[in-house]
All heavy atoms as atom14 arrays in JSON, in Angstrom:
{
  "sequence": "GKFLVASSLQLTAKGQPVIYYGEEIGQSGKKDNFDKGIFSENRYDF",
  "atom14_mask": [
    [1, 1, 1, 1, 0, 0, 0, 0, 0, 0, 0, 0, 0, 0],
    [1, 1, 1, 1, 1, 1, 1, 1, 1, 0, 0, 0, 0, 0],
    [1, 1, 1, 1, 1, 1, 1, 1, 1, 1, 1, 0, 0, 0],
    [1, 1, 1, 1, 1, 1, 1, 1, 0, 0, 0, 0, 0, 0],
    [1, 1, 1, 1, 1, 1, 1, 0, 0, 0, 0, 0, 0, 0],
    [1, 1, 1, 1, 1, 0, 0, 0, 0, 0, 0, 0, 0, 0],
    [1, 1, 1, 1, 1, 1, 0, 0, 0, 0, 0, 0, 0, 0],
    [1, 1, 1, 1, 1, 1, 0, 0, 0, 0, 0, 0, 0, 0],
    [1, 1, 1, 1, 1, 1, 1, 1, 0, 0, 0, 0, 0, 0],
    [1, 1, 1, 1, 1, 1, 1, 1, 1, 0, 0, 0, 0, 0],
    [1, 1, 1, 1, 1, 1, 1, 1, 0, 0, 0, 0, 0, 0],
    [1, 1, 1, 1, 1, 1, 1, 0, 0, 0, 0, 0, 0, 0],
    [1, 1, 1, 1, 1, 0, 0, 0, 0, 0, 0, 0, 0, 0],
    [1, 1, 1, 1, 1, 1, 1, 1, 1, 0, 0, 0, 0, 0],
    [1, 1, 1, 1, 0, 0, 0, 0, 0, 0, 0, 0, 0, 0],
    [1, 1, 1, 1, 1, 1, 1, 1, 1, 0, 0, 0, 0, 0],
    [1, 1, 1, 1, 1, 1, 1, 0, 0, 0, 0, 0, 0, 0],
    [1, 1, 1, 1, 1, 1, 1, 0, 0, 0, 0, 0, 0, 0],
    [1, 1, 1, 1, 1, 1, 1, 1, 0, 0, 0, 0, 0, 0],
    [1, 1, 1, 1, 1, 1, 1, 1, 1, 1, 1, 1, 0, 0],
    [1, 1, 1, 1, 1, 1, 1, 1, 1, 1, 1, 1, 0, 0],
    [1, 1, 1, 1, 0, 0, 0, 0, 0, 0, 0, 0, 0, 0],
    [1, 1, 1, 1, 1, 1, 1, 1, 1, 0, 0, 0, 0, 0],
    [1, 1, 1, 1, 1, 1, 1, 1, 1, 0, 0, 0, 0, 0],
    [1, 1, 1, 1, 1, 1, 1, 1, 0, 0, 0, 0, 0, 0],
    [1, 1, 1, 1, 0, 0, 0, 0, 0, 0, 0, 0, 0, 0],
    [1, 1, 1, 1, 1, 1, 1, 1, 1, 0, 0, 0, 0, 0],
    [1, 1, 1, 1, 1, 1, 0, 0, 0, 0, 0, 0, 0, 0],
    [1, 1, 1, 1, 0, 0, 0, 0, 0, 0, 0, 0, 0, 0],
    [1, 1, 1, 1, 1, 1, 1, 1, 1, 0, 0, 0, 0, 0],
    [1, 1, 1, 1, 1, 1, 1, 1, 1, 0, 0, 0, 0, 0],
    [1, 1, 1, 1, 1, 1, 1, 1, 0, 0, 0, 0, 0, 0],
    [1, 1, 1, 1, 1, 1, 1, 1, 0, 0, 0, 0, 0, 0],
    [1, 1, 1, 1, 1, 1, 1, 1, 1, 1, 1, 0, 0, 0],
    [1, 1, 1, 1, 1, 1, 1, 1, 0, 0, 0, 0, 0, 0],
    [1, 1, 1, 1, 1, 1, 1, 1, 1, 0, 0, 0, 0, 0],
    [1, 1, 1, 1, 0, 0, 0, 0, 0, 0, 0, 0, 0, 0],
    [1, 1, 1, 1, 1, 1, 1, 1, 0, 0, 0, 0, 0, 0],
    [1, 1, 1, 1, 1, 1, 1, 1, 1, 1, 1, 0, 0, 0],
    [1, 1, 1, 1, 1, 1, 0, 0, 0, 0, 0, 0, 0, 0],
    [1, 1, 1, 1, 1, 1, 1, 1, 1, 0, 0, 0, 0, 0],
    [1, 1, 1, 1, 1, 1, 1, 1, 0, 0, 0, 0, 0, 0],
    [1, 1, 1, 1, 1, 1, 1, 1, 1, 1, 1, 0, 0, 0],
    [1, 1, 1, 1, 1, 1, 1, 1, 1, 1, 1, 1, 0, 0],
    [1, 1, 1, 1, 1, 1, 1, 1, 0, 0, 0, 0, 0, 0],
    [1, 1, 1, 1, 1, 1, 1, 1, 1, 1, 1, 0, 0, 0]
  ],
  "atom14_positions": [
    [[238.6, 104.89, -39.41], [238.46, 104.87, -40.86], [237.2, 104.14, -41.31], [236.43, 104.63, -42.14], [0.0, 0.0, 0.0], [0.0, 0.0, 0.0], [0.0, 0.0, 0.0], [0.0, 0.0, 0.0], [0.0, 0.0, 0.0], [0.0, 0.0, 0.0], [0.0, 0.0, 0.0], [0.0, 0.0, 0.0], [0.0, 0.0, 0.0], [0.0, 0.0, 0.0]],
    [[236.97, 102.97, -40.73], [235.76, 102.22, -41.06], [234.51, 103.0, -40.64], [233.48, 102.97, -41.31], [235.78, 100.85, -40.37], [236.75, 99.85, -40.98], [236.64, 98.5, -40.3], [237.56, 97.47, -40.95], [237.47, 96.14, -40.3], [0.0, 0.0, 0.0], [0.0, 0.0, 0.0], [0.0, 0.0, 0.0], [0.0, 0.0, 0.0], [0.0, 0.0, 0.0]],
    [[234.62, 103.7, -39.51], [233.48, 104.46, -39.02], [233.13, 105.6, -39.97], [231.94, 105.89, -40.21], [233.77, 105.01, -37.62], [232.62, 105.74, -37.01], [231.47, 105.07, -36.63], [232.67, 107.11, -36.84], [230.39, 105.74, -36.07], [231.6, 107.8, -36.28], [230.45, 107.11, -35.9], [0.0, 0.0, 0.0], [0.0, 0.0, 0.0], [0.0, 0.0, 0.0]],
    [[234.13, 106.27, -40.53], [233.88, 107.35, -41.48], [233.1, 106.83, -42.68], [232.14, 107.46, -43.14], [235.2, 107.98, -41.92], [236.0, 108.72, -40.86], [237.35, 109.19, -41.42], [235.22, 109.92, -40.3], [0.0, 0.0, 0.0], [0.0, 0.0, 0.0], [0.0, 0.0, 0.0], [0.0, 0.0, 0.0], [0.0, 0.0, 0.0], [0.0, 0.0, 0.0]],
    [[233.51, 105.67, -43.19], [232.82, 105.09, -44.36], [231.41, 104.65, -43.98], [230.46, 104.84, -44.73], [233.63, 103.91, -44.94], [232.88, 103.28, -46.11], [235.01, 104.38, -45.4], [0.0, 0.0, 0.0], [0.0, 0.0, 0.0], [0.0, 0.0, 0.0], [0.0, 0.0, 0.0], [0.0, 0.0, 0.0], [0.0, 0.0, 0.0], [0.0, 0.0, 0.0]],
    [[231.26, 104.05, -42.78], [229.94, 103.62, -42.33], [228.98, 104.79, -42.21], [227.8, 104.7, -42.58], [230.06, 102.9, -40.99], [0.0, 0.0, 0.0], [0.0, 0.0, 0.0], [0.0, 0.0, 0.0], [0.0, 0.0, 0.0], [0.0, 0.0, 0.0], [0.0, 0.0, 0.0], [0.0, 0.0, 0.0], [0.0, 0.0, 0.0], [0.0, 0.0, 0.0]],
    [[229.47, 105.93, -41.72], [228.6, 107.1, -41.6], [228.25, 107.67, -42.97], [227.14, 108.17, -43.17], [229.27, 108.17, -40.73], [230.48, 108.63, -41.3], [0.0, 0.0, 0.0], [0.0, 0.0, 0.0], [0.0, 0.0, 0.0], [0.0, 0.0, 0.0], [0.0, 0.0, 0.0], [0.0, 0.0, 0.0], [0.0, 0.0, 0.0], [0.0, 0.0, 0.0]],
    [[229.17, 107.57, -43.93], [228.85, 107.99, -45.3], [227.76, 107.09, -45.89], [226.85, 107.56, -46.57], [230.09, 107.93, -46.19], [231.01, 108.95, -45.88], [0.0, 0.0, 0.0], [0.0, 0.0, 0.0], [0.0, 0.0, 0.0], [0.0, 0.0, 0.0], [0.0, 0.0, 0.0], [0.0, 0.0, 0.0], [0.0, 0.0, 0.0], [0.0, 0.0, 0.0]],
    [[227.86, 105.79, -45.6], [226.84, 104.85, -46.06], [225.48, 105.22, -45.46], [224.46, 105.23, -46.14], [227.23, 103.43, -45.65], [226.39, 102.29, -46.24], [226.73, 102.09, -47.71], [226.61, 101.0, -45.47], [0.0, 0.0, 0.0], [0.0, 0.0, 0.0], [0.0, 0.0, 0.0], [0.0, 0.0, 0.0], [0.0, 0.0, 0.0], [0.0, 0.0, 0.0]],
    [[225.47, 105.54, -44.17], [224.24, 105.91, -43.47], [223.63, 107.19, -44.04], [222.41, 107.27, -44.25], [224.52, 106.11, -41.98], [223.33, 106.57, -41.17], [223.71, 107.11, -39.8], [224.85, 107.53, -39.59], [222.77, 107.11, -38.88], [0.0, 0.0, 0.0], [0.0, 0.0, 0.0], [0.0, 0.0, 0.0], [0.0, 0.0, 0.0], [0.0, 0.0, 0.0]],
    [[224.47, 108.18, -44.3], [223.98, 109.5, -44.72], [223.64, 109.58, -46.2], [223.08, 110.58, -46.64], [224.99, 110.57, -44.34], [225.06, 110.86, -42.84], [226.34, 111.57, -42.47], [223.85, 111.68, -42.4], [0.0, 0.0, 0.0], [0.0, 0.0, 0.0], [0.0, 0.0, 0.0], [0.0, 0.0, 0.0], [0.0, 0.0, 0.0], [0.0, 0.0, 0.0]],
    [[223.97, 108.55, -46.96], [223.61, 108.54, -48.39], [222.56, 107.49, -48.7], [222.17, 107.33, -49.85], [224.85, 108.29, -49.27], [225.5, 107.06, -48.85], [225.84, 109.43, -49.16], [0.0, 0.0, 0.0], [0.0, 0.0, 0.0], [0.0, 0.0, 0.0], [0.0, 0.0, 0.0], [0.0, 0.0, 0.0], [0.0, 0.0, 0.0], [0.0, 0.0, 0.0]],
    [[222.09, 106.76, -47.68], [221.07, 105.73, -47.87], [219.68, 106.33, -47.79], [219.45, 107.35, -47.14], [221.23, 104.64, -46.81], [0.0, 0.0, 0.0], [0.0, 0.0, 0.0], [0.0, 0.0, 0.0], [0.0, 0.0, 0.0], [0.0, 0.0, 0.0], [0.0, 0.0, 0.0], [0.0, 0.0, 0.0], [0.0, 0.0, 0.0], [0.0, 0.0, 0.0]],
    [[218.74, 105.69, -48.45], [217.34, 106.08, -48.35], [216.86, 105.84, -46.93], [217.29, 104.9, -46.26], [216.5, 105.27, -49.34], [215.11, 105.83, -49.59], [214.42, 105.02, -50.68], [213.08, 105.62, -51.07], [212.42, 104.83, -52.14], [0.0, 0.0, 0.0], [0.0, 0.0, 0.0], [0.0, 0.0, 0.0], [0.0, 0.0, 0.0], [0.0, 0.0, 0.0]],
    [[215.95, 106.68, -46.46], [215.52, 106.61, -45.07], [215.96, 107.85, -44.33], [216.55, 108.77, -44.91], [0.0, 0.0, 0.0], [0.0, 0.0, 0.0], [0.0, 0.0, 0.0], [0.0, 0.0, 0.0], [0.0, 0.0, 0.0], [0.0, 0.0, 0.0], [0.0, 0.0, 0.0], [0.0, 0.0, 0.0], [0.0, 0.0, 0.0], [0.0, 0.0, 0.0]],
    [[215.68, 107.89, -43.04], [216.0, 109.06, -42.22], [217.24, 108.76, -41.37], [217.18, 107.95, -40.45], [214.82, 109.39, -41.31], [213.53, 109.69, -42.06], [212.31, 109.46, -41.19], [212.13, 108.41, -40.59], [211.44, 110.44, -41.13], [0.0, 0.0, 0.0], [0.0, 0.0, 0.0], [0.0, 0.0, 0.0], [0.0, 0.0, 0.0], [0.0, 0.0, 0.0]],
    [[218.37, 109.39, -41.65], [219.55, 109.18, -40.81], [219.27, 109.64, -39.38], [218.77, 110.73, -39.16], [220.62, 110.06, -41.47], [220.13, 110.29, -42.86], [218.64, 110.32, -42.77], [0.0, 0.0, 0.0], [0.0, 0.0, 0.0], [0.0, 0.0, 0.0], [0.0, 0.0, 0.0], [0.0, 0.0, 0.0], [0.0, 0.0, 0.0], [0.0, 0.0, 0.0]],
    [[219.59, 108.79, -38.42], [219.44, 109.13, -37.01], [220.83, 109.09, -36.38], [221.45, 108.03, -36.28], [218.5, 108.15, -36.28], [218.36, 108.54, -34.81], [217.12, 108.13, -36.95], [0.0, 0.0, 0.0], [0.0, 0.0, 0.0], [0.0, 0.0, 0.0], [0.0, 0.0, 0.0], [0.0, 0.0, 0.0], [0.0, 0.0, 0.0], [0.0, 0.0, 0.0]],
    [[221.31, 110.25, -35.97], [222.67, 110.37, -35.41], [222.56, 110.4, -33.89], [221.8, 111.19, -33.33], [223.35, 111.65, -35.92], [223.43, 111.61, -37.46], [224.74, 111.81, -35.31], [223.74, 112.96, -38.07], [0.0, 0.0, 0.0], [0.0, 0.0, 0.0], [0.0, 0.0, 0.0], [0.0, 0.0, 0.0], [0.0, 0.0, 0.0], [0.0, 0.0, 0.0]],
    [[223.31, 109.55, -33.23], [223.32, 109.5, -31.76], [224.35, 110.5, -31.25], [225.5, 110.5, -31.68], [223.66, 108.09, -31.3], [223.6, 107.88, -29.81], [222.44, 108.15, -29.09], [224.7, 107.39, -29.11], [222.37, 107.95, -27.73], [224.65, 107.17, -27.74], [223.48, 107.46, -27.05], [223.41, 107.26, -25.69], [0.0, 0.0, 0.0], [0.0, 0.0, 0.0]],
    [[223.92, 111.36, -30.34], [224.77, 112.45, -29.86], [226.17, 111.95, -29.48], [226.33, 110.93, -28.83], [224.11, 113.16, -28.68], [224.27, 112.46, -27.33], [225.16, 112.94, -26.38], [223.54, 111.31, -27.03], [225.31, 112.3, -25.15], [223.68, 110.67, -25.8], [224.57, 111.16, -24.88], [224.73, 110.52, -23.66], [0.0, 0.0, 0.0], [0.0, 0.0, 0.0]],
    [[227.17, 112.68, -29.91], [228.55, 112.35, -29.56], [229.25, 111.45, -30.55], [230.48, 111.49, -30.65], [0.0, 0.0, 0.0], [0.0, 0.0, 0.0], [0.0, 0.0, 0.0], [0.0, 0.0, 0.0], [0.0, 0.0, 0.0], [0.0, 0.0, 0.0], [0.0, 0.0, 0.0], [0.0, 0.0, 0.0], [0.0, 0.0, 0.0], [0.0, 0.0, 0.0]],
    [[228.49, 110.63, -31.3], [229.2, 109.75, -32.24], [229.82, 110.56, -33.37], [230.8, 110.12, -33.98], [228.29, 108.63, -32.76], [227.18, 109.04, -33.69], [226.34, 107.83, -34.14], [226.82, 106.69, -34.0], [225.22, 108.03, -34.62], [0.0, 0.0, 0.0], [0.0, 0.0, 0.0], [0.0, 0.0, 0.0], [0.0, 0.0, 0.0], [0.0, 0.0, 0.0]],
    [[229.28, 111.78, -33.6], [229.85, 112.61, -34.65], [231.19, 113.23, -34.25], [231.87, 113.83, -35.09], [228.85, 113.71, -35.06], [228.79, 114.92, -34.15], [227.89, 114.75, -32.93], [227.51, 113.59, -32.63], [227.56, 115.75, -32.28], [0.0, 0.0, 0.0], [0.0, 0.0, 0.0], [0.0, 0.0, 0.0], [0.0, 0.0, 0.0], [0.0, 0.0, 0.0]],
    [[231.59, 113.08, -32.99], [232.92, 113.53, -32.58], [233.78, 112.35, -32.11], [234.86, 112.53, -31.56], [232.85, 114.6, -31.46], [232.11, 114.09, -30.23], [232.2, 115.87, -32.0], [232.17, 115.04, -29.04], [0.0, 0.0, 0.0], [0.0, 0.0, 0.0], [0.0, 0.0, 0.0], [0.0, 0.0, 0.0], [0.0, 0.0, 0.0], [0.0, 0.0, 0.0]],
    [[233.27, 111.13, -32.33], [234.05, 109.93, -32.02], [233.78, 109.32, -30.67], [234.51, 108.41, -30.25], [0.0, 0.0, 0.0], [0.0, 0.0, 0.0], [0.0, 0.0, 0.0], [0.0, 0.0, 0.0], [0.0, 0.0, 0.0], [0.0, 0.0, 0.0], [0.0, 0.0, 0.0], [0.0, 0.0, 0.0], [0.0, 0.0, 0.0], [0.0, 0.0, 0.0]],
    [[232.75, 109.78, -29.94], [232.44, 109.17, -28.66], [231.68, 107.86, -28.87], [230.85, 107.76, -29.78], [231.61, 110.13, -27.79], [232.41, 111.31, -27.27], [231.61, 112.15, -26.29], [230.97, 113.11, -26.68], [231.65, 111.78, -25.0], [0.0, 0.0, 0.0], [0.0, 0.0, 0.0], [0.0, 0.0, 0.0], [0.0, 0.0, 0.0], [0.0, 0.0, 0.0]],
    [[231.97, 106.89, -28.01], [231.32, 105.59, -28.14], [231.57, 104.81, -26.86], [232.59, 105.03, -26.18], [231.9, 104.82, -29.34], [231.14, 103.68, -29.64], [0.0, 0.0, 0.0], [0.0, 0.0, 0.0], [0.0, 0.0, 0.0], [0.0, 0.0, 0.0], [0.0, 0.0, 0.0], [0.0, 0.0, 0.0], [0.0, 0.0, 0.0], [0.0, 0.0, 0.0]],
    [[230.65, 103.93, -26.5], [230.82, 103.17, -25.26], [229.97, 101.92, -25.21], [229.03, 101.75, -26.0], [0.0, 0.0, 0.0], [0.0, 0.0, 0.0], [0.0, 0.0, 0.0], [0.0, 0.0, 0.0], [0.0, 0.0, 0.0], [0.0, 0.0, 0.0], [0.0, 0.0, 0.0], [0.0, 0.0, 0.0], [0.0, 0.0, 0.0], [0.0, 0.0, 0.0]],
    [[230.28, 101.06, -24.27], [229.55, 99.8, -24.12], [228.23, 100.02, -23.39], [228.11, 100.89, -22.53], [230.39, 98.79, -23.35], [231.62, 98.3, -24.08], [232.37, 97.27, -23.24], [233.62, 96.78, -23.97], [234.37, 95.79, -23.15], [0.0, 0.0, 0.0], [0.0, 0.0, 0.0], [0.0, 0.0, 0.0], [0.0, 0.0, 0.0], [0.0, 0.0, 0.0]],
    [[227.26, 99.2, -23.75], [225.98, 99.19, -23.05], [226.19, 98.61, -21.65], [227.1, 97.82, -21.42], [224.98, 98.33, -23.83], [223.59, 98.25, -23.22], [222.73, 97.27, -24.0], [221.31, 97.2, -23.41], [221.28, 96.76, -22.02], [0.0, 0.0, 0.0], [0.0, 0.0, 0.0], [0.0, 0.0, 0.0], [0.0, 0.0, 0.0], [0.0, 0.0, 0.0]],
    [[225.29, 98.99, -20.72], [225.42, 98.49, -19.35], [225.25, 96.98, -19.27], [224.53, 96.36, -20.05], [224.38, 99.17, -18.44], [222.95, 98.83, -18.85], [222.48, 97.73, -18.58], [222.3, 99.71, -19.45], [0.0, 0.0, 0.0], [0.0, 0.0, 0.0], [0.0, 0.0, 0.0], [0.0, 0.0, 0.0], [0.0, 0.0, 0.0], [0.0, 0.0, 0.0]],
    [[225.95, 96.4, -18.33], [225.81, 94.98, -17.97], [226.13, 94.91, -16.48], [227.27, 94.71, -16.08], [226.76, 94.11, -18.78], [226.52, 92.62, -18.54], [226.1, 92.21, -17.46], [226.81, 91.8, -19.55], [0.0, 0.0, 0.0], [0.0, 0.0, 0.0], [0.0, 0.0, 0.0], [0.0, 0.0, 0.0], [0.0, 0.0, 0.0], [0.0, 0.0, 0.0]],
    [[225.08, 95.12, -15.68], [225.29, 95.25, -14.24], [225.87, 93.99, -13.61], [226.59, 94.05, -12.63], [223.98, 95.64, -13.55], [223.49, 97.0, -13.96], [222.34, 97.16, -14.71], [224.2, 98.14, -13.6], [221.91, 98.41, -15.09], [223.77, 99.4, -13.97], [222.62, 99.55, -14.73], [0.0, 0.0, 0.0], [0.0, 0.0, 0.0], [0.0, 0.0, 0.0]],
    [[225.56, 92.82, -14.21], [226.1, 91.57, -13.69], [227.62, 91.52, -13.8], [228.29, 90.86, -13.02], [225.49, 90.37, -14.42], [224.0, 90.21, -14.13], [223.56, 90.69, -13.06], [223.29, 89.62, -14.96], [0.0, 0.0, 0.0], [0.0, 0.0, 0.0], [0.0, 0.0, 0.0], [0.0, 0.0, 0.0], [0.0, 0.0, 0.0], [0.0, 0.0, 0.0]],
    [[228.15, 92.25, -14.81], [229.6, 92.27, -15.01], [230.21, 93.59, -14.52], [231.38, 93.87, -14.8], [229.93, 92.06, -16.49], [229.55, 90.67, -16.99], [229.99, 90.47, -18.43], [229.66, 89.07, -18.93], [230.08, 88.86, -20.34], [0.0, 0.0, 0.0], [0.0, 0.0, 0.0], [0.0, 0.0, 0.0], [0.0, 0.0, 0.0], [0.0, 0.0, 0.0]],
    [[229.42, 94.37, -13.83], [229.92, 95.62, -13.27], [230.11, 96.73, -14.28], [230.85, 97.69, -14.04], [0.0, 0.0, 0.0], [0.0, 0.0, 0.0], [0.0, 0.0, 0.0], [0.0, 0.0, 0.0], [0.0, 0.0, 0.0], [0.0, 0.0, 0.0], [0.0, 0.0, 0.0], [0.0, 0.0, 0.0], [0.0, 0.0, 0.0], [0.0, 0.0, 0.0]],
    [[229.42, 96.63, -15.46], [229.53, 97.66, -16.49], [228.31, 98.56, -16.42], [227.18, 98.11, -16.56], [229.63, 97.04, -17.91], [230.87, 96.15, -18.01], [229.67, 98.14, -18.97], [230.96, 95.39, -19.32], [0.0, 0.0, 0.0], [0.0, 0.0, 0.0], [0.0, 0.0, 0.0], [0.0, 0.0, 0.0], [0.0, 0.0, 0.0], [0.0, 0.0, 0.0]],
    [[228.52, 99.85, -16.18], [227.43, 100.8, -16.2], [227.22, 101.3, -17.63], [227.88, 100.84, -18.55], [227.7, 101.96, -15.22], [227.73, 101.52, -13.79], [228.72, 101.97, -12.92], [226.78, 100.64, -13.29], [228.75, 101.58, -11.59], [226.79, 100.24, -11.97], [227.78, 100.7, -11.11], [0.0, 0.0, 0.0], [0.0, 0.0, 0.0], [0.0, 0.0, 0.0]],
    [[226.35, 102.27, -17.8], [225.96, 102.71, -19.15], [227.02, 103.62, -19.78], [226.85, 104.84, -19.85], [224.61, 103.42, -19.1], [223.62, 102.57, -18.56], [0.0, 0.0, 0.0], [0.0, 0.0, 0.0], [0.0, 0.0, 0.0], [0.0, 0.0, 0.0], [0.0, 0.0, 0.0], [0.0, 0.0, 0.0], [0.0, 0.0, 0.0], [0.0, 0.0, 0.0]],
    [[228.09, 103.01, -20.27], [229.18, 103.77, -20.89], [228.75, 104.39, -22.21], [229.41, 105.31, -22.71], [230.38, 102.87, -21.1], [230.98, 102.35, -19.79], [232.06, 101.3, -20.0], [232.34, 100.98, -21.18], [232.6, 100.78, -19.0], [0.0, 0.0, 0.0], [0.0, 0.0, 0.0], [0.0, 0.0, 0.0], [0.0, 0.0, 0.0], [0.0, 0.0, 0.0]],
    [[227.66, 103.89, -22.78], [227.13, 104.45, -24.03], [226.27, 105.69, -23.79], [225.78, 106.3, -24.73], [226.32, 103.4, -24.78], [225.13, 102.89, -23.97], [225.16, 102.9, -22.74], [224.09, 102.43, -24.64], [0.0, 0.0, 0.0], [0.0, 0.0, 0.0], [0.0, 0.0, 0.0], [0.0, 0.0, 0.0], [0.0, 0.0, 0.0], [0.0, 0.0, 0.0]],
    [[226.11, 106.08, -22.53], [225.32, 107.27, -22.18], [226.24, 108.32, -21.55], [226.01, 108.82, -20.47], [224.18, 106.89, -21.24], [223.2, 105.9, -21.86], [222.12, 105.48, -20.88], [221.17, 104.56, -21.49], [220.09, 104.08, -20.89], [219.83, 104.43, -19.63], [219.28, 103.26, -21.52], [0.0, 0.0, 0.0], [0.0, 0.0, 0.0], [0.0, 0.0, 0.0]],
    [[227.28, 108.61, -22.26], [228.33, 109.52, -21.82], [227.88, 110.97, -21.81], [226.89, 111.34, -22.46], [229.53, 109.38, -22.75], [229.12, 109.18, -24.2], [228.54, 110.2, -24.94], [229.28, 107.94, -24.84], [228.15, 110.02, -26.24], [228.88, 107.74, -26.14], [228.31, 108.79, -26.85], [227.9, 108.6, -28.14], [0.0, 0.0, 0.0], [0.0, 0.0, 0.0]],
    [[228.63, 111.82, -21.1], [228.46, 113.27, -21.24], [229.09, 113.7, -22.57], [230.2, 113.24, -22.91], [229.18, 114.01, -20.1], [228.5, 113.82, -18.76], [227.32, 113.43, -18.74], [229.16, 114.04, -17.73], [0.0, 0.0, 0.0], [0.0, 0.0, 0.0], [0.0, 0.0, 0.0], [0.0, 0.0, 0.0], [0.0, 0.0, 0.0], [0.0, 0.0, 0.0]],
    [[228.41, 114.55, -23.28], [228.98, 115.06, -24.54], [230.27, 115.8, -24.21], [230.31, 116.66, -23.33], [227.99, 116.0, -25.23], [228.4, 116.38, -26.62], [227.87, 115.73, -27.72], [229.33, 117.39, -26.84], [228.24, 116.08, -29.01], [229.72, 117.75, -28.12], [229.18, 117.08, -29.21], [0.0, 0.0, 0.0], [0.0, 0.0, 0.0], [0.0, 0.0, 0.0]]
  ]
}
């Protein structure tokens, strides 16, 4: 719900909206942190 409102804020603001692939269908992930064994979960397959 918060994400829907945040995207409305982004798409109605001045400037150029930049949409990251997959976030428009609800995909999301953590950035890599190799020291903690986390790979690039934010670079998912669509």
